[in-house]
């Protein structure tokens, strides 16, 4: 987490702001900083340009979320089909490794989130020094606090144990609230990290910015609906259902637009591949993708996804969200349009499993690597329904849930669910939540399920796979069972060793 400090930070900040303003945010900026090396940051509009650069904030390369849950279908048969398809990261993260994972040199999630925090801190540092109206500065202040709250939350829920009374004095993450590199980098107690998140969230709540401005949802920046949406997620994670419901309702009151998969989802460009070439079984297959797959670089479809309250994406560098059989079985495969469009059949062929051919689907949302992870309208309905179910309002929970299902299913009797009692309502809401948000929220959900007052939703993770070393999977040896018990300390992911070294050992590793 060490970033080189320069005496004239304003020159660096200007360069970043200028680069961002000339890149992805041209049409949204009222004023661009002058492209000279001698101009200092003097205007609030220059800080606004920095925060407008959604391309530097929106991705979350959290490989724990991608590989580390029961949504990820990593099996020996799939691996045997083409070992070269899978990186060692899939093995290490997928089997909850503690021995070799700290030395994975491609792990950038920790540093990526701290870069966002550093940028937020720069904005807060410069705000008193620049010109601009008090209203402009208030918006920027709330925005920076929101970025910081969001990043600290995902860091704490990845690299730290779940926040409970028993764990509140366990190691959290370093708290950086300034840009001085003389500030301490020791890991703070988990309770203090959560106090920082709540303090930042309280400041973010002061934002006067509405999500929809001039008829356009401006979800790549902090806004009232997005902040309320994150607060709903935060309090659900804390098992505080009254607060989670309050904030979910507040978000939905401001904005409640859903994508109707019956009329607004469609297929895009097909892909044609020859499998088993040169054999009697050779044939040409067609892979059908949703239209949201078609644009890798163009942000039009991503920014146009009208359910976003706050624009964040889980990003998978290896381009294959492998759905487990357990996840696939949760869908009504005939009538659920999420299964039809997002579970792309034969996607394994795209990943090189063509000779001998091996047929397995992939979960596809935006291109091959990105799925929504920021708060959405759909998530707010799921949070609301879960809070209603957990507070013994099963009928209300089903009414809320069915609002979402009506936009995701073909019309028919199968759309509307009913619940016999509280336990049945909770079960059905959690199943729907997993269908709607696979991979992106499952890791966080399992952590809270295993630490609430309801044992019925506990999740013990197990996978059967080969033994391995830091670089080799031993396919000649018998597979073994790997498990992650509900009270395992491995729910705190190992911190990259590079971060420990760069701190001169001040940052300490998790204890297992």
Protein backbone atom coordinates (compact mmCIF):
# COMPACT_ATOMS: atom_id res chain seq x y z
CA UNK A 1 0.00 0.00 0.00
CA UNK A 2 2.98 2.24 -0.49
CA UNK A 3 2.62 5.01 -3.06
CA UNK A 4 5.58 7.26 -3.80
CA UNK A 5 5.08 10.76 -2.44
CA UNK A 6 6.12 13.82 -4.42
CA UNK A 7 6.62 17.24 -2.88
CA UNK A 8 4.43 18.92 -5.47
CA UNK A 9 1.43 16.63 -5.28
CA UNK A 10 -0.70 19.15 -7.14
CA UNK A 11 1.26 18.55 -10.36
CA UNK A 12 0.54 14.84 -10.18
CA UNK A 13 -3.09 15.43 -9.30
CA UNK A 14 -3.50 17.77 -12.24
CA UNK A 15 -2.00 15.25 -14.62
CA UNK A 16 -4.37 12.58 -13.39
CA UNK A 17 -7.37 14.88 -13.56
CA UNK A 18 -6.44 16.01 -17.04
CA UNK A 19 -5.92 12.49 -18.30
CA UNK A 20 -9.23 11.37 -16.86
CA UNK A 21 -11.13 14.33 -18.25
CA UNK A 22 -9.72 13.71 -21.72
CA UNK A 23 -10.62 10.04 -21.52
CA UNK A 24 -13.95 8.59 -20.48
CA UNK A 25 -15.76 11.64 -19.13
CA UNK A 26 -15.48 14.30 -21.84
CA UNK A 27 -19.14 14.97 -22.35
CA UNK A 28 -19.94 15.16 -18.65
CA UNK A 29 -17.40 17.81 -17.68
CA UNK A 30 -18.22 21.48 -17.73
CA UNK A 31 -14.60 22.53 -17.54
CA UNK A 32 -11.38 20.71 -18.32
CA UNK A 33 -8.12 21.53 -16.55
CA UNK A 34 -5.57 23.25 -18.74
CA UNK A 35 -2.98 20.83 -20.16
CA UNK A 36 0.14 22.50 -18.82
CA UNK A 37 2.72 21.16 -16.44
CA UNK A 38 2.90 24.35 -14.42
CA UNK A 39 -0.77 24.79 -13.52
CA UNK A 40 -1.67 23.99 -9.94
CA UNK A 41 -4.99 22.55 -8.83
CA UNK A 42 -6.96 25.63 -7.85
CA UNK A 43 -10.56 24.87 -8.82
CA UNK A 44 -13.23 22.54 -7.54
CA UNK A 45 -13.97 21.66 -11.16
CA UNK A 46 -10.57 19.99 -11.41
CA UNK A 47 -11.37 17.75 -8.45
CA UNK A 48 -14.72 17.06 -10.04
CA UNK A 49 -12.92 15.90 -13.18
CA UNK A 50 -10.90 13.50 -11.07
CA UNK A 51 -14.01 11.91 -9.55
CA UNK A 52 -15.80 11.87 -12.88
CA UNK A 53 -13.29 9.33 -14.19
CA UNK A 54 -15.46 6.27 -13.65
CA UNK A 55 -12.95 4.09 -15.49
CA UNK A 56 -10.60 4.42 -12.51
CA UNK A 57 -13.24 3.50 -9.94
CA UNK A 58 -15.76 1.07 -11.36
CA UNK A 59 -13.84 -2.23 -11.50
CA UNK A 60 -13.40 -4.56 -8.54
CA UNK A 61 -10.90 -7.33 -9.21
CA UNK A 62 -11.98 -9.40 -6.23
CA UNK A 63 -10.88 -12.94 -7.07
CA UNK A 64 -12.18 -14.19 -3.74
CA UNK A 65 -15.69 -13.28 -4.87
CA UNK A 66 -15.08 -14.90 -8.26
CA UNK A 67 -13.54 -18.19 -7.13
CA UNK A 68 -14.13 -18.58 -3.42
CA UNK A 69 -17.78 -19.60 -3.11
CA UNK A 70 -20.14 -22.40 -4.05
CA UNK A 71 -21.17 -20.40 -7.12
CA UNK A 72 -17.84 -21.29 -8.73
CA UNK A 73 -18.05 -24.77 -10.27
CA UNK A 74 -14.44 -25.91 -10.15
CA UNK A 75 -14.36 -29.70 -10.55
CA UNK A 76 -11.74 -32.27 -11.47
CA UNK A 77 -13.61 -33.21 -14.66
CA UNK A 78 -13.71 -29.60 -15.81
CA UNK A 79 -10.03 -29.12 -15.00
CA UNK A 80 -9.10 -32.37 -16.77
CA UNK A 81 -10.86 -31.20 -19.93
CA UNK A 82 -8.18 -28.54 -20.45
CA UNK A 83 -5.89 -27.69 -17.51
CA UNK A 84 -4.35 -24.82 -19.43
CA UNK A 85 -7.63 -22.94 -19.32
CA UNK A 86 -7.26 -22.33 -15.59
CA UNK A 87 -4.69 -20.24 -13.81
CA UNK A 88 -3.24 -21.18 -10.45
CA UNK A 89 -5.32 -18.36 -9.02
CA UNK A 90 -8.44 -20.43 -9.69
CA UNK A 91 -6.89 -23.22 -7.64
CA UNK A 92 -5.55 -21.08 -4.80
CA UNK A 93 -8.60 -18.84 -4.38
CA UNK A 94 -11.04 -21.64 -5.18
CA UNK A 95 -9.64 -23.95 -2.50
CA UNK A 96 -9.11 -21.25 0.15
CA UNK A 97 -5.35 -21.56 0.21
CA UNK A 98 -3.26 -19.90 2.93
CA UNK A 99 0.21 -21.22 2.11
CA UNK A 100 0.85 -20.00 -1.43
CA UNK A 101 -1.76 -17.31 -1.98
CA UNK A 102 0.19 -14.48 -0.28
CA UNK A 103 2.81 -14.79 -3.03
CA UNK A 104 0.41 -14.53 -5.95
CA UNK A 105 2.01 -11.61 -7.77
CA UNK A 106 -1.11 -10.84 -9.81
CA UNK A 107 -3.28 -9.96 -6.82
CA UNK A 108 -4.24 -6.29 -7.21
CA UNK A 109 -7.53 -6.01 -5.32
CA UNK A 110 -5.94 -4.65 -2.13
CA UNK A 111 -3.82 -2.07 -3.93
CA UNK A 112 -6.64 -1.18 -6.31
CA UNK A 113 -9.05 -0.28 -3.52
CA UNK A 114 -6.36 1.70 -1.67
CA UNK A 115 -5.74 3.70 -4.84
CA UNK A 116 -9.41 4.67 -4.77
CA UNK A 117 -9.08 5.61 -1.10
CA UNK A 118 -5.97 7.66 -1.89
CA UNK A 119 -7.84 9.55 -4.60
CA UNK A 120 -10.73 10.25 -2.23
CA UNK A 121 -8.25 11.49 0.38
CA UNK A 122 -6.64 13.83 -2.18
CA UNK A 123 -10.01 15.36 -2.95
CA UNK A 124 -10.71 15.91 0.75
CA UNK A 125 -7.19 17.33 1.24
CA UNK A 126 -7.53 19.86 -1.57
CA UNK A 127 -11.13 20.93 -1.04
CA UNK A 128 -10.34 23.71 1.47
CA UNK A 129 -7.63 25.06 -0.86
CA UNK A 130 -9.52 25.39 -4.15
CA UNK A 131 -12.01 27.90 -5.45
CA UNK A 132 -15.61 26.93 -5.93
CA UNK A 133 -19.02 27.37 -4.38
CA UNK A 134 -19.91 25.80 -1.06
CA UNK A 135 -22.50 23.68 -2.88
CA UNK A 136 -19.87 22.36 -5.30
CA UNK A 137 -17.53 21.53 -2.44
CA UNK A 138 -20.28 19.83 -0.43
CA UNK A 139 -21.02 17.51 -3.36
CA UNK A 140 -17.34 16.63 -3.80
CA UNK A 141 -16.91 16.05 -0.08
CA UNK A 142 -19.84 13.64 0.08
CA UNK A 143 -18.61 11.87 -3.04
CA UNK A 144 -15.10 11.33 -1.63
CA UNK A 145 -16.44 10.03 1.68
CA UNK A 146 -18.66 7.59 -0.19
CA UNK A 147 -15.79 6.24 -2.27
CA UNK A 148 -13.78 5.73 0.90
CA UNK A 149 -16.64 4.02 2.77
CA UNK A 150 -17.28 1.66 -0.14
CA UNK A 151 -13.62 0.66 -0.53
CA UNK A 152 -13.06 0.11 3.18
CA UNK A 153 -16.15 -2.08 3.29
CA UNK A 154 -15.06 -4.38 0.47
CA UNK A 155 -11.54 -4.54 1.90
CA UNK A 156 -12.75 -5.40 5.40
CA UNK A 157 -15.13 -8.03 4.07
CA UNK A 158 -12.38 -9.67 2.07
CA UNK A 159 -9.21 -9.48 4.15
CA UNK A 160 -10.70 -9.47 7.67
CA UNK A 161 -12.87 -11.77 9.74
CA UNK A 162 -16.62 -11.05 9.82
CA UNK A 163 -17.48 -8.19 12.15
CA UNK A 164 -19.02 -9.59 15.33
CA UNK A 165 -18.72 -8.84 19.03
CA UNK A 166 -16.27 -11.73 19.27
CA UNK A 167 -14.17 -10.41 16.38
CA UNK A 168 -14.30 -6.66 16.91
CA UNK A 169 -10.76 -6.54 18.30
CA UNK A 170 -9.34 -8.74 15.54
CA UNK A 171 -7.11 -7.16 12.91
CA UNK A 172 -8.85 -4.90 10.45
CA UNK A 173 -7.10 -2.99 7.66
CA UNK A 174 -4.90 0.13 7.71
CA UNK A 175 -6.98 3.29 7.89
CA UNK A 176 -5.68 6.09 5.68
CA UNK A 177 -7.57 9.38 5.85
CA UNK A 178 -4.88 11.67 4.45
CA UNK A 179 -2.28 11.83 1.70
CA UNK A 180 0.80 12.13 3.91
CA UNK A 181 3.02 9.10 3.68
CA UNK A 182 4.13 9.64 7.23
CA UNK A 183 0.76 8.42 8.48
CA UNK A 184 0.80 5.00 10.18
CA UNK A 185 -0.03 1.92 8.11
CA UNK A 186 -0.61 -0.55 10.92
CA UNK A 187 -3.75 -2.62 10.69
CA UNK A 188 -6.36 -1.14 12.98
CA UNK A 189 -8.85 -3.13 15.10
CA UNK A 190 -11.82 -4.28 13.06
CA UNK A 191 -14.19 -2.22 15.22
CA UNK A 192 -12.29 0.95 14.35
CA UNK A 193 -12.49 0.15 10.63
CA UNK A 194 -16.25 -0.18 10.87
CA UNK A 195 -16.45 3.06 12.83
CA UNK A 196 -14.57 4.71 9.96
CA UNK A 197 -16.98 3.22 7.41
CA UNK A 198 -19.99 4.50 9.35
CA UNK A 199 -18.39 7.93 9.77
CA UNK A 200 -17.72 8.17 6.04
CA UNK A 201 -21.19 6.91 5.24
CA UNK A 202 -22.72 9.57 7.50
CA UNK A 203 -20.80 12.27 5.60
CA UNK A 204 -21.80 10.75 2.27
CA UNK A 205 -25.46 10.87 3.34
CA UNK A 206 -25.25 14.67 3.22
CA UNK A 207 -25.03 14.55 -0.57
CA UNK A 208 -27.81 16.58 -2.20
CA UNK A 209 -27.28 14.88 -5.58
CA UNK A 210 -30.16 12.90 -7.06
CA UNK A 211 -29.48 9.86 -9.20
CA UNK A 212 -31.47 11.16 -12.19
CA UNK A 213 -30.32 14.49 -13.58
CA UNK A 214 -31.79 15.99 -16.75
CA UNK A 215 -33.51 12.70 -17.46
CA UNK A 216 -30.30 10.64 -17.19
CA UNK A 217 -29.28 8.30 -14.36
CA UNK A 218 -25.82 9.55 -13.36
CA UNK A 219 -24.88 6.45 -11.41
CA UNK A 220 -21.10 6.56 -11.81
CA UNK A 221 -20.97 9.27 -9.15
CA UNK A 222 -22.23 9.33 -5.58
CA UNK A 223 -25.93 10.09 -5.39
CA UNK A 224 -28.67 9.80 -2.80
CA UNK A 225 -30.16 6.59 -4.20
CA UNK A 226 -26.75 4.95 -4.51
CA UNK A 227 -25.67 5.99 -1.02
CA UNK A 228 -28.92 4.73 0.48
CA UNK A 229 -28.47 1.53 -1.51
CA UNK A 230 -25.00 0.97 -0.11
CA UNK A 231 -26.26 1.75 3.40
CA UNK A 232 -28.95 -0.90 2.94
CA UNK A 233 -26.25 -3.41 1.93
CA UNK A 234 -24.08 -2.37 4.87
CA UNK A 235 -26.81 -2.82 7.47
CA UNK A 236 -27.99 -6.09 5.97
CA UNK A 237 -24.41 -7.29 6.33
CA UNK A 238 -24.59 -6.26 9.99
CA UNK A 239 -27.85 -8.21 10.36
CA UNK A 240 -29.64 -4.99 11.30
CA UNK A 241 -32.83 -5.58 9.35
CA UNK A 242 -34.70 -2.48 10.50
CA UNK A 243 -31.96 -0.15 9.23
CA UNK A 244 -31.41 -2.16 6.06
CA UNK A 245 -35.12 -1.98 5.25
CA UNK A 246 -35.19 1.76 5.94
CA UNK A 247 -32.38 2.50 3.51
CA UNK A 248 -33.60 0.07 0.86
CA UNK A 249 -37.00 1.79 0.95
CA UNK A 250 -35.33 5.19 0.71
CA UNK A 251 -33.39 4.11 -2.37
CA UNK A 252 -36.49 2.62 -3.99
CA UNK A 253 -38.55 5.68 -3.21
CA UNK A 254 -36.15 7.77 -5.26
CA UNK A 255 -35.58 5.29 -8.07
CA UNK A 256 -37.18 1.91 -8.75
CA UNK A 257 -36.73 1.22 -12.48
CA UNK A 258 -36.17 -2.43 -13.39
CA UNK A 259 -35.05 -3.97 -16.67
CA UNK A 260 -37.86 -6.14 -18.01
CA UNK A 261 -36.15 -9.21 -19.40
CA UNK A 262 -39.30 -10.05 -21.38
CA UNK A 263 -39.04 -6.93 -23.53
CA UNK A 264 -35.59 -5.39 -22.96
CA UNK A 265 -33.18 -8.32 -22.88
CA UNK A 266 -32.15 -9.90 -26.16
CA UNK A 267 -29.42 -11.90 -27.81
CA UNK A 268 -26.50 -10.14 -29.47
CA UNK A 269 -23.78 -11.40 -31.77
CA UNK A 270 -23.39 -15.17 -32.09
CA UNK A 271 -20.05 -16.95 -32.10
CA UNK A 272 -19.37 -19.92 -34.40
CA UNK A 273 -16.74 -22.48 -33.39
CA UNK A 274 -15.66 -25.81 -34.85
CA UNK A 275 -15.22 -28.52 -32.24
CA UNK A 276 -13.44 -31.88 -32.54
CA UNK A 277 -11.84 -30.77 -35.80
CA UNK A 278 -10.24 -33.55 -37.81
CA UNK A 279 -12.25 -36.30 -36.13
CA UNK A 280 -15.50 -38.10 -37.09
CA UNK A 281 -17.27 -36.00 -34.43
CA UNK A 282 -16.27 -32.68 -35.96
CA UNK A 283 -19.06 -30.13 -36.17
CA UNK A 284 -19.77 -26.42 -36.00
CA UNK A 285 -21.54 -25.04 -32.96
CA UNK A 286 -23.06 -21.63 -32.34
CA UNK A 287 -22.71 -19.87 -29.00
CA UNK A 288 -25.45 -17.35 -28.31
CA UNK A 289 -24.63 -14.35 -26.14
CA UNK A 290 -26.80 -11.63 -24.61
CA UNK A 291 -26.42 -8.26 -26.30
CA UNK A 292 -24.64 -6.98 -23.20
CA UNK A 293 -21.70 -9.19 -24.15
CA UNK A 294 -20.96 -7.46 -27.41
CA UNK A 295 -19.02 -4.37 -26.30
CA UNK A 296 -15.75 -4.89 -24.48
CA UNK A 297 -14.51 -1.29 -24.57
CA UNK A 298 -17.61 0.76 -25.31
CA UNK A 299 -19.34 1.77 -22.06
CA UNK A 300 -22.70 2.49 -23.71
CA UNK A 301 -24.47 -0.67 -22.58
CA UNK A 302 -22.88 -0.69 -19.12
CA UNK A 303 -23.72 2.94 -18.38
CA UNK A 304 -27.12 2.38 -19.97
CA UNK A 305 -28.03 -0.49 -17.63
CA UNK A 306 -30.86 1.33 -15.93
CA UNK A 307 -30.95 -0.67 -12.69
CA UNK A 308 -27.68 0.72 -11.38
CA UNK A 309 -27.80 2.95 -8.32
CA UNK A 310 -24.02 3.07 -8.17
CA UNK A 311 -21.79 1.89 -10.99
CA UNK A 312 -19.42 -0.86 -9.85
CA UNK A 313 -18.42 -4.09 -11.63
CA UNK A 314 -16.79 -7.29 -10.49
CA UNK A 315 -13.99 -7.84 -13.00
CA UNK A 316 -12.65 -11.30 -13.92
CA UNK A 317 -9.31 -11.27 -15.71
CA UNK A 318 -9.65 -14.89 -16.90
CA UNK A 319 -13.03 -14.34 -18.58
CA UNK A 320 -14.95 -17.34 -17.27
CA UNK A 321 -17.42 -17.19 -14.41
CA UNK A 322 -17.91 -20.94 -14.07
CA UNK A 323 -21.37 -21.65 -12.62
CA UNK A 324 -21.54 -24.61 -10.27
CA UNK A 325 -24.11 -27.36 -10.75
CA UNK A 326 -25.66 -26.22 -7.49
CA UNK A 327 -26.11 -22.71 -8.85
CA UNK A 328 -27.48 -23.92 -12.19
CA UNK A 329 -30.02 -26.11 -10.41
CA UNK A 330 -31.53 -23.09 -8.66
CA UNK A 331 -32.97 -21.73 -11.90
CA UNK A 332 -36.22 -22.59 -13.58
CA UNK A 333 -34.34 -23.40 -16.76
CA UNK A 334 -37.48 -23.21 -18.90
CA UNK A 335 -38.97 -19.91 -17.75
CA UNK A 336 -36.25 -17.91 -16.01
CA UNK A 337 -34.87 -15.42 -18.51
CA UNK A 338 -31.75 -14.86 -16.42
CA UNK A 339 -30.84 -18.47 -17.11
CA UNK A 340 -31.67 -18.09 -20.80
CA UNK A 341 -29.54 -15.01 -21.40
CA UNK A 342 -26.79 -15.11 -18.79
CA UNK A 343 -26.01 -18.83 -18.60
CA UNK A 344 -24.37 -19.12 -22.00
CA UNK A 345 -24.40 -22.72 -23.23
CA UNK A 346 -21.21 -24.12 -24.68
CA UNK A 347 -19.09 -21.25 -23.40
CA UNK A 348 -16.31 -23.75 -22.60
CA UNK A 349 -15.65 -23.92 -26.35
CA UNK A 350 -14.74 -20.23 -26.32
CA UNK A 351 -12.29 -21.03 -23.53
CA UNK A 352 -10.44 -23.55 -25.66
CA UNK A 353 -12.19 -26.83 -24.77
CA UNK A 354 -12.72 -27.78 -28.41
CA UNK A 355 -10.65 -30.94 -29.00
CA UNK A 356 -11.67 -33.12 -27.38
CA UNK A 357 -14.77 -31.02 -26.86
CA UNK A 358 -16.16 -30.39 -23.40
CA UNK A 359 -19.51 -28.65 -23.08
CA UNK A 360 -20.02 -26.36 -20.08
CA UNK A 361 -21.79 -23.00 -19.67
CA UNK A 362 -20.45 -19.66 -18.52
CA UNK A 363 -22.17 -16.82 -16.69
CA UNK A 364 -22.04 -13.79 -18.98
CA UNK A 365 -23.26 -10.28 -18.25
CA UNK A 366 -21.12 -7.45 -19.66
CA UNK A 367 -18.62 -8.85 -22.12
CA UNK A 368 -16.88 -11.91 -20.62
CA UNK A 369 -15.32 -10.28 -17.59
CA UNK A 370 -17.74 -7.90 -15.87
CA UNK A 371 -20.87 -8.40 -13.80
CA UNK A 372 -22.70 -5.75 -11.74
CA UNK A 373 -21.48 -5.48 -8.16
CA UNK A 374 -22.67 -2.01 -7.21
CA UNK A 375 -26.08 -1.46 -5.59
CA UNK A 376 -29.00 -1.90 -7.99
CA UNK A 377 -32.77 -1.64 -7.88
CA UNK A 378 -32.97 -5.44 -7.98
CA UNK A 379 -30.71 -5.69 -4.93
CA UNK A 380 -32.87 -3.21 -3.04
CA UNK A 381 -35.97 -5.34 -3.66
CA UNK A 382 -34.06 -8.41 -2.48
CA UNK A 383 -32.86 -6.62 0.66
CA UNK A 384 -36.37 -5.39 1.36
CA UNK A 385 -37.83 -8.86 0.88
CA UNK A 386 -35.19 -10.46 3.10
CA UNK A 387 -35.76 -7.93 5.87
CA UNK A 388 -39.50 -8.56 5.70
CA UNK A 389 -38.96 -12.31 5.79
CA UNK A 390 -36.53 -12.20 8.72
CA UNK A 391 -38.91 -9.99 10.72
CA UNK A 392 -41.74 -12.51 10.22
CA UNK A 393 -43.63 -10.82 7.40
CA UNK A 394 -43.57 -13.71 4.92
CA UNK A 395 -46.48 -12.55 2.77
CA UNK A 396 -45.03 -9.06 2.41
CA UNK A 397 -41.67 -10.60 1.54
CA UNK A 398 -43.20 -12.61 -1.30
CA UNK A 399 -45.05 -9.60 -2.68
CA UNK A 400 -41.78 -7.69 -2.80
CA UNK A 401 -39.90 -10.63 -4.29
CA UNK A 402 -42.50 -11.17 -6.97
CA UNK A 403 -42.03 -7.60 -8.23
CA UNK A 404 -38.56 -8.63 -9.28
CA UNK A 405 -39.56 -12.05 -10.60
CA UNK A 406 -42.18 -10.50 -12.86
CA UNK A 407 -39.35 -8.71 -14.70
CA UNK A 408 -37.10 -11.77 -14.87
CA UNK A 409 -39.46 -14.62 -15.78
CA UNK A 410 -41.67 -15.46 -18.69
CA UNK A 411 -45.30 -14.71 -17.69
CA UNK A 412 -47.07 -17.64 -16.06
CA UNK A 413 -48.12 -19.26 -12.82
CA UNK A 414 -44.48 -19.89 -11.92
CA UNK A 415 -43.75 -16.19 -11.46
CA UNK A 416 -45.46 -15.53 -8.14
CA UNK A 417 -44.03 -17.36 -5.14
CA UNK A 418 -45.78 -17.88 -1.83
CA UNK A 419 -44.38 -18.83 1.55
CA UNK A 420 -45.82 -21.12 4.21
CA UNK A 421 -44.04 -19.34 7.06
CA UNK A 422 -41.05 -17.23 8.05
CA UNK A 423 -38.49 -19.98 7.41
CA UNK A 424 -39.93 -20.74 3.98
CA UNK A 425 -39.92 -17.06 3.06
CA UNK A 426 -36.28 -16.65 4.08
CA UNK A 427 -35.30 -19.72 2.07
CA UNK A 428 -37.04 -18.48 -1.07
CA UNK A 429 -35.67 -14.96 -0.79
CA UNK A 430 -32.11 -16.24 -0.39
CA UNK A 431 -32.50 -18.54 -3.38
CA UNK A 432 -33.75 -15.64 -5.48
CA UNK A 433 -30.90 -13.47 -4.25
CA UNK A 434 -28.41 -16.08 -5.41
CA UNK A 435 -30.10 -16.38 -8.82
CA UNK A 436 -30.06 -12.62 -9.28
CA UNK A 437 -26.55 -11.83 -8.03
CA UNK A 438 -24.28 -14.87 -8.46
CA UNK A 439 -20.59 -14.41 -7.70
CA UNK A 440 -20.70 -10.68 -6.90
CA UNK A 441 -22.39 -10.89 -3.47
CA UNK A 442 -22.16 -14.56 -2.54
CA UNK A 443 -18.90 -14.32 -0.55
CA UNK A 444 -20.26 -11.45 1.51
CA UNK A 445 -23.56 -13.27 2.00
CA UNK A 446 -21.95 -16.48 3.25
CA UNK A 447 -19.96 -14.50 5.81
CA UNK A 448 -23.10 -12.91 7.24
CA UNK A 449 -25.18 -16.09 7.08
CA UNK A 450 -22.60 -17.87 9.21
CA UNK A 451 -22.64 -15.12 11.83
CA UNK A 452 -26.31 -14.29 12.29
CA UNK A 453 -28.82 -15.78 14.71
CA UNK A 454 -30.36 -18.18 12.20
CA UNK A 455 -28.52 -21.52 11.86
CA UNK A 456 -30.78 -22.55 8.98
CA UNK A 457 -28.88 -20.39 6.47
CA UNK A 458 -25.36 -21.45 7.48
CA UNK A 459 -23.09 -22.44 4.61
CA UNK A 460 -20.17 -24.86 4.89
CA UNK A 461 -18.14 -24.76 1.70
CA UNK A 462 -16.55 -27.96 0.36
CA UNK A 463 -14.82 -28.82 -2.91
CA UNK A 464 -13.14 -31.98 -4.16
CA UNK A 465 -9.96 -31.40 -6.09
CA UNK A 466 -6.40 -32.57 -6.60
CA UNK A 467 -3.47 -31.76 -4.31
CA UNK A 468 -1.40 -28.82 -5.52
CA UNK A 469 1.70 -26.73 -4.92
CA UNK A 470 2.31 -23.08 -5.64
CA UNK A 471 2.64 -23.78 -9.36
CA UNK A 472 1.49 -27.33 -10.10
CA UNK A 473 -1.73 -29.30 -9.78
CA UNK A 474 -0.94 -32.97 -9.02
CA UNK A 475 -3.44 -34.66 -11.30
CA UNK A 476 -1.70 -37.99 -10.83
CA UNK A 477 -2.70 -38.04 -7.16
CA UNK A 478 -6.13 -38.86 -5.78
CA UNK A 479 -8.50 -35.89 -5.30
CA UNK A 480 -9.12 -34.75 -1.74
CA UNK A 481 -11.87 -32.80 0.00
CA UNK A 482 -11.19 -29.15 0.84
CA UNK A 483 -13.53 -27.34 3.19
CA UNK A 484 -14.18 -23.92 4.67
CA UNK A 485 -16.09 -24.37 7.95
CA UNK A 486 -18.40 -21.59 9.07
CA UNK A 487 -16.06 -20.42 11.84
CA UNK A 488 -12.84 -20.70 9.81
CA UNK A 489 -10.27 -17.94 10.13
CA UNK A 490 -9.74 -18.31 6.39
CA UNK A 491 -12.76 -16.06 5.90
CA UNK A 492 -10.04 -13.44 6.19
CA UNK A 493 -8.16 -13.76 2.91
CA UNK A 494 -4.33 -13.64 3.06
CA UNK A 495 -2.89 -10.19 2.44
CA UNK A 496 -0.48 -10.03 -0.51
CA UNK A 497 3.09 -10.40 0.72
CA UNK A 498 4.16 -7.49 -1.47
CA UNK A 499 2.06 -5.19 0.72
CA UNK A 500 3.64 -6.56 3.88
CA UNK A 501 7.13 -6.12 2.46
CA UNK A 502 6.48 -2.59 1.17
CA UNK A 503 5.31 -1.61 4.67
CA UNK A 504 8.61 -2.91 6.13
CA UNK A 505 6.64 -5.49 8.06
CA UNK A 506 4.34 -2.98 9.75
CA UNK A 507 1.34 -4.62 8.06
CA UNK A 508 1.07 -8.11 9.52
CA UNK A 509 -0.44 -11.21 7.93
CA UNK A 510 -3.66 -12.84 9.08
CA UNK A 511 -3.23 -15.68 11.55
CA UNK A 512 -4.68 -19.07 10.64
